[in-house]
Amino acid sequence: MSEKNRILPSTLYLVATPIGNLSDLSERAVKVLSEVDFIAAEDTRNTAHLLSYLQIQKPLVSYHEHNKRERGENICDRLRAGESCALVTDAGTPAISDPGEDLVALCAERGIAVTSIPGCCAGITALTLSGLPTGRFCFEGFLSVNKSDRKKHLDSLKGETRTMIFHEAPHKLKTTLADLSEAFGDTRRISLCRELTKLNEEVLRLTLAEAVVYYEENAPRGEYVLVVEGAGEGSTAEGAFWADMTIPDHVAHYMEQGMTKKDAIKAAARDRGVPKNEVYQQVLD
């Protein structure tokens, strides 16, 4: 075990850092940060604060989305020359929704050794707290701010049966919840996880419709991980009882069972994994 923990030359170390609670940093992570030749950081100011807390002094270089091409080449040159480097982000695991992905790929192309020091990951932490199925899931990261790209992304997920994980900033949360509700229907379950591992950690388990209403009355605070229920297995039409039905016939089927028109529309939308408004419009037409 001690041999595996030895810092090796010409090696990139991916070091997961705390997402809020500094006590979550592992002993191995501290050892690596203490012994590598230099540290590549998303924001050197934030990392400097962490190193100061740990009483570690190491040379820092910035590595982020806007300099990753040039700086990545420079880091690889130093690694090939025999130095060791730890890559960190502001919080969480490098290379997950992070430009570290490109540095790992560059190292792989050049035959440079890469190893990972496991630790905090906001998406996985939120998934375990969500109360939603964890056996199969997909990580979708941040949605694009471009409306067209955003719609295409969500449209591609309408039939996704796995639990979905998104990241979102507080000032964009209301818009994102409205877009999720429009894409997936308002009865889909969502867990909103904020300030994970911090003093004000909170997990809200709601439907998308309930979440939209809640944040009309309560201001979003802190960084969010959104864990969204996947579409029901029946939403993939193959083998479903409604596979050969039109949408109006699908709604009529539920109404014949005693449902109100409103509830029948919701049920059909849930079956098909489409927004309730889309079903409503076709029934209206």
C-alpha atoms as a PDB file:
ATOM      1  CA  MET A   1       0.000   0.000   0.000  1.00  0.00           C
ATOM      2  CA  SER A   2       2.789   2.428   0.886  1.00  0.00           C
ATOM      3  CA  GLU A   3       4.454   1.738  -2.464  1.00  0.00           C
ATOM      4  CA  LYS A   4       1.265   2.705  -4.347  1.00  0.00           C
ATOM      5  CA  ASN A   5       1.208   5.975  -2.431  1.00  0.00           C
ATOM      6  CA  ARG A   6       4.716   6.919  -3.511  1.00  0.00           C
ATOM      7  CA  ILE A   7       4.798   9.962  -5.804  1.00  0.00           C
ATOM      8  CA  LEU A   8       6.237   8.991  -9.168  1.00  0.00           C
ATOM      9  CA  PRO A   9       7.973  11.233 -11.721  1.00  0.00           C
ATOM     10  CA  SER A  10       6.321  11.977 -15.074  1.00  0.00           C
ATOM     11  CA  THR A  11       2.863  11.360 -13.601  1.00  0.00           C
ATOM     12  CA  LEU A  12      -0.299  13.458 -13.551  1.00  0.00           C
ATOM     13  CA  TYR A  13      -2.364  13.068 -10.375  1.00  0.00           C
ATOM     14  CA  LEU A  14      -6.075  13.930 -10.473  1.00  0.00           C
ATOM     15  CA  VAL A  15      -6.876  15.094  -6.947  1.00  0.00           C
ATOM     16  CA  ALA A  16     -10.490  15.450  -5.839  1.00  0.00           C
ATOM     17  CA  THR A  17     -10.966  18.398  -3.479  1.00  0.00           C
ATOM     18  CA  PRO A  18     -13.803  19.178  -1.037  1.00  0.00           C
ATOM     19  CA  ILE A  19     -17.098  20.515  -2.379  1.00  0.00           C
ATOM     20  CA  GLY A  20     -17.725  22.343   0.872  1.00  0.00           C
ATOM     21  CA  ASN A  21     -16.484  20.510   3.948  1.00  0.00           C
ATOM     22  CA  LEU A  22     -12.686  20.632   4.208  1.00  0.00           C
ATOM     23  CA  SER A  23     -12.735  17.547   6.441  1.00  0.00           C
ATOM     24  CA  ASP A  24     -13.646  15.482   3.372  1.00  0.00           C
ATOM     25  CA  LEU A  25     -10.119  15.799   1.941  1.00  0.00           C
ATOM     26  CA  SER A  26      -8.385  12.419   2.205  1.00  0.00           C
ATOM     27  CA  GLU A  27      -4.968  11.760   3.727  1.00  0.00           C
ATOM     28  CA  ARG A  28      -3.764  10.488   0.376  1.00  0.00           C
ATOM     29  CA  ALA A  29      -4.871  13.695  -1.351  1.00  0.00           C
ATOM     30  CA  VAL A  30      -2.949  15.768   1.207  1.00  0.00           C
ATOM     31  CA  LYS A  31       0.145  13.605   0.676  1.00  0.00           C
ATOM     32  CA  VAL A  32      -0.006  14.028  -3.100  1.00  0.00           C
ATOM     33  CA  LEU A  33      -0.501  17.797  -2.880  1.00  0.00           C
ATOM     34  CA  SER A  34       2.449  17.972  -0.467  1.00  0.00           C
ATOM     35  CA  GLU A  35       4.870  15.941  -2.586  1.00  0.00           C
ATOM     36  CA  VAL A  36       4.255  16.668  -6.276  1.00  0.00           C
ATOM     37  CA  ASP A  37       6.528  19.130  -8.039  1.00  0.00           C
ATOM     38  CA  PHE A  38       3.719  21.525  -8.983  1.00  0.00           C
ATOM     39  CA  ILE A  39      -0.061  21.898  -8.951  1.00  0.00           C
ATOM     40  CA  ALA A  40      -2.294  22.845 -11.888  1.00  0.00           C
ATOM     41  CA  ALA A  41      -5.462  24.579 -10.695  1.00  0.00           C
ATOM     42  CA  GLU A  42      -8.684  25.891 -12.208  1.00  0.00           C
ATOM     43  CA  ASP A  43      -8.345  29.050 -10.098  1.00  0.00           C
ATOM     44  CA  THR A  44      -4.981  29.468  -8.397  1.00  0.00           C
ATOM     45  CA  ARG A  45      -6.460  31.900  -5.849  1.00  0.00           C
ATOM     46  CA  ASN A  46      -8.970  29.359  -4.564  1.00  0.00           C
ATOM     47  CA  THR A  47      -6.374  26.600  -4.502  1.00  0.00           C
ATOM     48  CA  ALA A  48      -3.943  28.891  -2.671  1.00  0.00           C
ATOM     49  CA  HIS A  49      -6.519  29.235   0.117  1.00  0.00           C
ATOM     50  CA  LEU A  50      -6.834  25.444   0.363  1.00  0.00           C
ATOM     51  CA  LEU A  51      -3.059  24.957   0.422  1.00  0.00           C
ATOM     52  CA  SER A  52      -2.701  27.651   3.080  1.00  0.00           C
ATOM     53  CA  TYR A  53      -5.237  25.818   5.244  1.00  0.00           C
ATOM     54  CA  LEU A  54      -3.210  22.613   4.770  1.00  0.00           C
ATOM     55  CA  GLN A  55       0.092  24.488   5.368  1.00  0.00           C
ATOM     56  CA  ILE A  56       1.391  23.365   1.976  1.00  0.00           C
ATOM     57  CA  GLN A  57       3.580  25.509  -0.266  1.00  0.00           C
ATOM     58  CA  LYS A  58       3.823  24.423  -3.893  1.00  0.00           C
ATOM     59  CA  PRO A  59       4.244  26.183  -7.247  1.00  0.00           C
ATOM     60  CA  LEU A  60       0.855  26.791  -8.879  1.00  0.00           C
ATOM     61  CA  VAL A  61      -0.023  27.115 -12.549  1.00  0.00           C
ATOM     62  CA  SER A  62      -3.460  28.000 -13.865  1.00  0.00           C
ATOM     63  CA  TYR A  63      -5.252  25.508 -16.086  1.00  0.00           C
ATOM     64  CA  HIS A  64      -8.806  26.338 -17.139  1.00  0.00           C
ATOM     65  CA  GLU A  65     -11.199  26.417 -20.092  1.00  0.00           C
ATOM     66  CA  HIS A  66      -9.649  29.516 -21.677  1.00  0.00           C
ATOM     67  CA  ASN A  67      -5.979  28.479 -21.592  1.00  0.00           C
ATOM     68  CA  LYS A  68      -6.239  24.687 -21.690  1.00  0.00           C
ATOM     69  CA  ARG A  69      -4.723  24.230 -25.138  1.00  0.00           C
ATOM     70  CA  GLU A  70      -1.496  26.174 -24.570  1.00  0.00           C
ATOM     71  CA  ARG A  71      -1.170  25.341 -20.870  1.00  0.00           C
ATOM     72  CA  GLY A  72      -1.943  21.663 -21.458  1.00  0.00           C
ATOM     73  CA  GLU A  73       1.023  21.382 -23.831  1.00  0.00           C
ATOM     74  CA  ASN A  74       3.245  23.094 -21.283  1.00  0.00           C
ATOM     75  CA  ILE A  75       2.143  20.772 -18.465  1.00  0.00           C
ATOM     76  CA  CYS A  76       2.741  17.707 -20.640  1.00  0.00           C
ATOM     77  CA  ASP A  77       6.229  18.949 -21.551  1.00  0.00           C
ATOM     78  CA  ARG A  78       7.073  19.289 -17.869  1.00  0.00           C
ATOM     79  CA  LEU A  79       5.684  15.830 -17.130  1.00  0.00           C
ATOM     80  CA  ARG A  80       7.707  14.254 -19.926  1.00  0.00           C
ATOM     81  CA  ALA A  81      10.788  15.971 -18.512  1.00  0.00           C
ATOM     82  CA  GLY A  82      10.292  14.064 -15.251  1.00  0.00           C
ATOM     83  CA  GLU A  83       8.190  16.361 -13.039  1.00  0.00           C
ATOM     84  CA  SER A  84       5.005  15.275 -11.248  1.00  0.00           C
ATOM     85  CA  CYS A  85       1.817  17.356 -11.220  1.00  0.00           C
ATOM     86  CA  ALA A  86      -1.455  17.376  -9.284  1.00  0.00           C
ATOM     87  CA  LEU A  87      -4.514  18.651 -11.154  1.00  0.00           C
ATOM     88  CA  VAL A  88      -7.309  20.157  -9.035  1.00  0.00           C
ATOM     89  CA  THR A  89     -10.547  22.046  -9.679  1.00  0.00           C
ATOM     90  CA  ASP A  90     -12.176  24.592  -7.381  1.00  0.00           C
ATOM     91  CA  ALA A  91     -14.293  21.787  -5.903  1.00  0.00           C
ATOM     92  CA  GLY A  92     -14.868  18.124  -6.670  1.00  0.00           C
ATOM     93  CA  THR A  93     -13.261  15.677  -9.075  1.00  0.00           C
ATOM     94  CA  PRO A  94     -11.118  16.950 -11.970  1.00  0.00           C
ATOM     95  CA  ALA A  95     -12.099  15.975 -15.526  1.00  0.00           C
ATOM     96  CA  ILE A  96     -15.841  15.689 -14.709  1.00  0.00           C
ATOM     97  CA  SER A  97     -17.601  18.560 -16.532  1.00  0.00           C
ATOM     98  CA  ASP A  98     -14.171  20.167 -16.420  1.00  0.00           C
ATOM     99  CA  PRO A  99     -11.308  21.001 -18.848  1.00  0.00           C
ATOM    100  CA  GLY A 100      -9.204  18.415 -17.034  1.00  0.00           C
ATOM    101  CA  GLU A 101     -10.847  15.974 -19.436  1.00  0.00           C
ATOM    102  CA  ASP A 102      -8.727  17.455 -22.234  1.00  0.00           C
ATOM    103  CA  LEU A 103      -5.506  17.240 -20.230  1.00  0.00           C
ATOM    104  CA  VAL A 104      -6.095  13.561 -19.449  1.00  0.00           C
ATOM    105  CA  ALA A 105      -6.739  12.903 -23.148  1.00  0.00           C
ATOM    106  CA  LEU A 106      -3.538  14.746 -24.075  1.00  0.00           C
ATOM    107  CA  CYS A 107      -1.544  12.723 -21.563  1.00  0.00           C
ATOM    108  CA  ALA A 108      -3.061   9.510 -22.946  1.00  0.00           C
ATOM    109  CA  GLU A 109      -2.011  10.494 -26.472  1.00  0.00           C
ATOM    110  CA  ARG A 110       1.538  11.140 -25.300  1.00  0.00           C
ATOM    111  CA  GLY A 111       1.867   8.027 -23.157  1.00  0.00           C
ATOM    112  CA  ILE A 112       2.088  10.011 -19.911  1.00  0.00           C
ATOM    113  CA  ALA A 113       0.936   8.195 -16.768  1.00  0.00           C
ATOM    114  CA  VAL A 114      -2.248   9.462 -15.103  1.00  0.00           C
ATOM    115  CA  THR A 115      -3.693   8.303 -11.793  1.00  0.00           C
ATOM    116  CA  SER A 116      -6.725   9.456  -9.824  1.00  0.00           C
ATOM    117  CA  ILE A 117      -7.027  10.181  -6.108  1.00  0.00           C
ATOM    118  CA  PRO A 118     -10.722   9.440  -5.412  1.00  0.00           C
ATOM    119  CA  GLY A 119     -12.819  11.839  -3.392  1.00  0.00           C
ATOM    120  CA  CYS A 120     -15.696  14.280  -3.541  1.00  0.00           C
ATOM    121  CA  CYS A 121     -18.020  14.444  -6.538  1.00  0.00           C
ATOM    122  CA  ALA A 122     -21.133  16.611  -6.231  1.00  0.00           C
ATOM    123  CA  GLY A 123     -23.126  14.633  -8.796  1.00  0.00           C
ATOM    124  CA  ILE A 124     -22.630  11.284  -7.069  1.00  0.00           C
ATOM    125  CA  THR A 125     -23.228  12.801  -3.637  1.00  0.00           C
ATOM    126  CA  ALA A 126     -26.547  14.245  -4.838  1.00  0.00           C
ATOM    127  CA  LEU A 127     -27.560  10.983  -6.528  1.00  0.00           C
ATOM    128  CA  THR A 128     -27.136   9.040  -3.292  1.00  0.00           C
ATOM    129  CA  LEU A 129     -29.333  11.567  -1.453  1.00  0.00           C
ATOM    130  CA  SER A 130     -32.018  11.880  -4.132  1.00  0.00           C
ATOM    131  CA  GLY A 131     -34.285   8.970  -3.264  1.00  0.00           C
ATOM    132  CA  LEU A 132     -34.446   8.212  -7.005  1.00  0.00           C
ATOM    133  CA  PRO A 133     -33.153   5.023  -8.725  1.00  0.00           C
ATOM    134  CA  THR A 134     -29.352   4.834  -8.641  1.00  0.00           C
ATOM    135  CA  GLY A 135     -28.736   1.597 -10.554  1.00  0.00           C
ATOM    136  CA  ARG A 136     -28.558   3.361 -13.926  1.00  0.00           C
ATOM    137  CA  PHE A 137     -27.935   7.078 -14.335  1.00  0.00           C
ATOM    138  CA  CYS A 138     -26.429   9.614 -16.724  1.00  0.00           C
ATOM    139  CA  PHE A 139     -24.545  12.830 -16.009  1.00  0.00           C
ATOM    140  CA  GLU A 140     -25.646  15.772 -18.169  1.00  0.00           C
ATOM    141  CA  GLY A 141     -23.737  18.613 -16.484  1.00  0.00           C
ATOM    142  CA  PHE A 142     -24.733  22.216 -17.175  1.00  0.00           C
ATOM    143  CA  LEU A 143     -27.320  22.948 -19.864  1.00  0.00           C
ATOM    144  CA  SER A 144     -26.269  25.391 -22.576  1.00  0.00           C
ATOM    145  CA  VAL A 145     -27.304  29.021 -22.213  1.00  0.00           C
ATOM    146  CA  ASN A 146     -28.095  28.986 -25.944  1.00  0.00           C
ATOM    147  CA  LYS A 147     -31.848  28.385 -26.215  1.00  0.00           C
ATOM    148  CA  SER A 148     -31.638  26.286 -29.369  1.00  0.00           C
ATOM    149  CA  ASP A 149     -28.840  24.050 -28.043  1.00  0.00           C
ATOM    150  CA  ARG A 150     -30.626  23.775 -24.708  1.00  0.00           C
ATOM    151  CA  LYS A 151     -33.855  22.614 -26.376  1.00  0.00           C
ATOM    152  CA  LYS A 152     -32.021  20.060 -28.516  1.00  0.00           C
ATOM    153  CA  HIS A 153     -30.264  18.690 -25.434  1.00  0.00           C
ATOM    154  CA  LEU A 154     -33.520  18.287 -23.495  1.00  0.00           C
ATOM    155  CA  ASP A 155     -35.409  16.924 -26.515  1.00  0.00           C
ATOM    156  CA  SER A 156     -32.763  14.200 -26.829  1.00  0.00           C
ATOM    157  CA  LEU A 157     -33.497  13.159 -23.229  1.00  0.00           C
ATOM    158  CA  LYS A 158     -37.296  12.895 -23.410  1.00  0.00           C
ATOM    159  CA  GLY A 159     -37.198   9.109 -23.652  1.00  0.00           C
ATOM    160  CA  GLU A 160     -34.198   8.665 -21.320  1.00  0.00           C
ATOM    161  CA  THR A 161     -35.148   6.046 -18.720  1.00  0.00           C
ATOM    162  CA  ARG A 162     -32.051   6.485 -16.541  1.00  0.00           C
ATOM    163  CA  THR A 163     -31.930   8.948 -13.663  1.00  0.00           C
ATOM    164  CA  MET A 164     -30.399  12.212 -14.942  1.00  0.00           C
ATOM    165  CA  ILE A 165     -27.983  14.515 -13.116  1.00  0.00           C
ATOM    166  CA  PHE A 166     -27.643  18.215 -13.940  1.00  0.00           C
ATOM    167  CA  HIS A 167     -25.650  21.074 -12.390  1.00  0.00           C
ATOM    168  CA  GLU A 168     -27.129  24.570 -12.128  1.00  0.00           C
ATOM    169  CA  ALA A 169     -26.275  27.981 -10.726  1.00  0.00           C
ATOM    170  CA  PRO A 170     -28.851  29.730  -8.512  1.00  0.00           C
ATOM    171  CA  HIS A 171     -29.530  32.612 -10.914  1.00  0.00           C
ATOM    172  CA  LYS A 172     -30.463  30.171 -13.707  1.00  0.00           C
ATOM    173  CA  LEU A 173     -32.457  27.692 -11.622  1.00  0.00           C
ATOM    174  CA  LYS A 174     -35.968  29.034 -12.318  1.00  0.00           C
ATOM    175  CA  THR A 175     -35.430  29.013 -16.072  1.00  0.00           C
ATOM    176  CA  THR A 176     -33.986  25.530 -15.966  1.00  0.00           C
ATOM    177  CA  LEU A 177     -36.876  24.150 -13.916  1.00  0.00           C
ATOM    178  CA  ALA A 178     -39.372  25.645 -16.383  1.00  0.00           C
ATOM    179  CA  ASP A 179     -37.465  24.095 -19.298  1.00  0.00           C
ATOM    180  CA  LEU A 180     -37.267  20.696 -17.574  1.00  0.00           C
ATOM    181  CA  SER A 181     -40.988  20.769 -16.866  1.00  0.00           C
ATOM    182  CA  GLU A 182     -41.775  21.669 -20.459  1.00  0.00           C
ATOM    183  CA  ALA A 183     -39.521  18.900 -21.784  1.00  0.00           C
ATOM    184  CA  PHE A 184     -40.373  16.088 -19.351  1.00  0.00           C
ATOM    185  CA  GLY A 185     -43.850  16.934 -18.045  1.00  0.00           C
ATOM    186  CA  ASP A 186     -44.752  18.421 -14.697  1.00  0.00           C
ATOM    187  CA  THR A 187     -45.286  15.123 -12.838  1.00  0.00           C
ATOM    188  CA  ARG A 188     -41.675  13.953 -13.217  1.00  0.00           C
ATOM    189  CA  ARG A 189     -39.878  13.692  -9.861  1.00  0.00           C
ATOM    190  CA  ILE A 190     -36.819  15.808  -9.103  1.00  0.00           C
ATOM    191  CA  SER A 191     -34.450  16.125  -6.150  1.00  0.00           C
ATOM    192  CA  LEU A 192     -32.885  19.562  -5.750  1.00  0.00           C
ATOM    193  CA  CYS A 193     -29.654  19.286  -3.769  1.00  0.00           C
ATOM    194  CA  ARG A 194     -27.925  22.487  -2.715  1.00  0.00           C
ATOM    195  CA  GLU A 195     -24.925  23.463  -0.605  1.00  0.00           C
ATOM    196  CA  LEU A 196     -23.877  19.807  -0.333  1.00  0.00           C
ATOM    197  CA  THR A 197     -21.634  18.996   2.669  1.00  0.00           C
ATOM    198  CA  LYS A 198     -21.976  22.610   3.880  1.00  0.00           C
ATOM    199  CA  LEU A 199     -23.795  24.041   6.894  1.00  0.00           C
ATOM    200  CA  ASN A 200     -26.928  24.878   4.877  1.00  0.00           C
ATOM    201  CA  GLU A 201     -27.131  21.571   2.982  1.00  0.00           C
ATOM    202  CA  GLU A 202     -30.684  20.952   1.759  1.00  0.00           C
ATOM    203  CA  VAL A 203     -32.391  18.284  -0.329  1.00  0.00           C
ATOM    204  CA  LEU A 204     -35.893  18.930  -1.687  1.00  0.00           C
ATOM    205  CA  ARG A 205     -37.755  15.995  -3.233  1.00  0.00           C
ATOM    206  CA  LEU A 206     -40.604  17.309  -5.394  1.00  0.00           C
ATOM    207  CA  THR A 207     -42.290  16.965  -8.768  1.00  0.00           C
ATOM    208  CA  LEU A 208     -41.155  19.397 -11.440  1.00  0.00           C
ATOM    209  CA  ALA A 209     -44.442  21.280 -11.124  1.00  0.00           C
ATOM    210  CA  GLU A 210     -43.983  21.575  -7.359  1.00  0.00           C
ATOM    211  CA  ALA A 211     -40.398  22.739  -7.815  1.00  0.00           C
ATOM    212  CA  VAL A 212     -41.463  25.505 -10.216  1.00  0.00           C
ATOM    213  CA  VAL A 213     -44.055  26.741  -7.707  1.00  0.00           C
ATOM    214  CA  TYR A 214     -41.663  26.474  -4.755  1.00  0.00           C
ATOM    215  CA  TYR A 215     -39.053  28.687  -6.393  1.00  0.00           C
ATOM    216  CA  GLU A 216     -41.631  31.246  -7.411  1.00  0.00           C
ATOM    217  CA  GLU A 217     -42.014  31.825  -3.681  1.00  0.00           C
ATOM    218  CA  ASN A 218     -38.463  31.101  -2.478  1.00  0.00           C
ATOM    219  CA  ALA A 219     -35.258  32.598  -3.867  1.00  0.00           C
ATOM    220  CA  PRO A 220     -32.690  29.996  -5.024  1.00  0.00           C
ATOM    221  CA  ARG A 221     -29.532  30.049  -2.910  1.00  0.00           C
ATOM    222  CA  GLY A 222     -26.241  28.244  -3.418  1.00  0.00           C
ATOM    223  CA  GLU A 223     -25.053  25.865  -6.112  1.00  0.00           C
ATOM    224  CA  TYR A 224     -27.492  23.125  -7.135  1.00  0.00           C
ATOM    225  CA  VAL A 225     -27.314  19.551  -8.330  1.00  0.00           C
ATOM    226  CA  LEU A 226     -30.606  18.503  -9.935  1.00  0.00           C
ATOM    227  CA  VAL A 227     -31.394  14.790  -9.969  1.00  0.00           C
ATOM    228  CA  VAL A 228     -34.298  14.076 -12.324  1.00  0.00           C
ATOM    229  CA  GLU A 229     -36.318  10.882 -12.591  1.00  0.00           C
ATOM    230  CA  GLY A 230     -35.996   9.075 -15.905  1.00  0.00           C
ATOM    231  CA  ALA A 231     -38.936   8.421 -18.198  1.00  0.00           C
ATOM    232  CA  GLY A 232     -41.092   5.424 -17.306  1.00  0.00           C
ATOM    233  CA  GLU A 233     -40.174   2.249 -19.128  1.00  0.00           C
ATOM    234  CA  GLY A 234     -43.526   2.513 -20.886  1.00  0.00           C
ATOM    235  CA  SER A 235     -42.449   5.795 -22.484  1.00  0.00           C
ATOM    236  CA  THR A 236     -40.467   3.778 -25.006  1.00  0.00           C
ATOM    237  CA  ALA A 237     -43.432   2.739 -27.124  1.00  0.00           C
ATOM    238  CA  GLU A 238     -42.196  -0.739 -28.045  1.00  0.00           C
ATOM    239  CA  GLY A 239     -44.385  -3.258 -26.244  1.00  0.00           C
ATOM    240  CA  ALA A 240     -46.486  -0.611 -24.464  1.00  0.00           C
ATOM    241  CA  PHE A 241     -50.280  -1.040 -24.418  1.00  0.00           C
ATOM    242  CA  TRP A 242     -50.639   2.363 -26.094  1.00  0.00           C
ATOM    243  CA  ALA A 243     -48.037   1.751 -28.816  1.00  0.00           C
ATOM    244  CA  ASP A 244     -50.617   1.737 -31.633  1.00  0.00           C
ATOM    245  CA  MET A 245     -52.855   4.433 -30.128  1.00  0.00           C
ATOM    246  CA  THR A 246     -52.997   8.033 -31.193  1.00  0.00           C
ATOM    247  CA  ILE A 247     -52.528  10.532 -28.390  1.00  0.00           C
ATOM    248  CA  PRO A 248     -56.285  11.368 -28.274  1.00  0.00           C
ATOM    249  CA  ASP A 249     -57.082   7.636 -28.105  1.00  0.00           C
ATOM    250  CA  HIS A 250     -54.502   7.231 -25.336  1.00  0.00           C
ATOM    251  CA  VAL A 251     -56.198   9.971 -23.305  1.00  0.00           C
ATOM    252  CA  ALA A 252     -59.650   8.524 -24.062  1.00  0.00           C
ATOM    253  CA  HIS A 253     -58.459   5.133 -22.750  1.00  0.00           C
ATOM    254  CA  TYR A 254     -57.750   6.633 -19.341  1.00  0.00           C
ATOM    255  CA  MET A 255     -60.976   8.647 -19.322  1.00  0.00           C
ATOM    256  CA  GLU A 256     -62.935   5.435 -19.946  1.00  0.00           C
ATOM    257  CA  GLN A 257     -61.330   4.094 -16.770  1.00  0.00           C
ATOM    258  CA  GLY A 258     -62.848   6.962 -14.796  1.00  0.00           C
ATOM    259  CA  MET A 259     -60.074   9.571 -14.885  1.00  0.00           C
ATOM    260  CA  THR A 260     -60.835  13.234 -15.392  1.00  0.00           C
ATOM    261  CA  LYS A 261     -59.648  14.699 -18.674  1.00  0.00           C
ATOM    262  CA  LYS A 262     -56.902  16.593 -16.835  1.00  0.00           C
ATOM    263  CA  ASP A 263     -55.599  13.469 -15.082  1.00  0.00           C
ATOM    264  CA  ALA A 264     -55.873  11.410 -18.278  1.00  0.00           C
ATOM    265  CA  ILE A 265     -53.723  13.950 -20.125  1.00  0.00           C
ATOM    266  CA  LYS A 266     -51.134  13.815 -17.328  1.00  0.00           C
ATOM    267  CA  ALA A 267     -51.103  10.012 -17.396  1.00  0.00           C
ATOM    268  CA  ALA A 268     -50.685   9.849 -21.171  1.00  0.00           C
ATOM    269  CA  ALA A 269     -47.895  12.435 -21.053  1.00  0.00           C
ATOM    270  CA  ARG A 270     -46.131  10.423 -18.338  1.00  0.00           C
ATOM    271  CA  ASP A 271     -46.449   7.199 -20.362  1.00  0.00           C
ATOM    272  CA  ARG A 272     -44.989   8.800 -23.455  1.00  0.00           C
ATOM    273  CA  GLY A 273     -42.341  10.874 -21.706  1.00  0.00           C
ATOM    274  CA  VAL A 274     -43.573  14.066 -23.359  1.00  0.00           C
ATOM    275  CA  PRO A 275     -44.754  17.405 -21.915  1.00  0.00           C
ATOM    276  CA  LYS A 276     -48.371  17.582 -20.743  1.00  0.00           C
ATOM    277  CA  ASN A 277     -48.940  20.642 -22.974  1.00  0.00           C
ATOM    278  CA  GLU A 278     -48.005  18.618 -26.039  1.00  0.00           C
ATOM    279  CA  VAL A 279     -50.666  16.010 -25.227  1.00  0.00           C
ATOM    280  CA  TYR A 280     -53.207  18.693 -24.372  1.00  0.00           C
ATOM    281  CA  GLN A 281     -52.678  20.449 -27.705  1.00  0.00           C
ATOM    282  CA  GLN A 282     -53.203  17.267 -29.723  1.00  0.00           C
ATOM    283  CA  VAL A 283     -56.372  16.434 -27.770  1.00  0.00           C
ATOM    284  CA  LEU A 284     -57.590  19.978 -28.360  1.00  0.00           C
ATOM    285  CA  ASP A 285     -56.878  19.745 -32.087  1.00  0.00           C
END
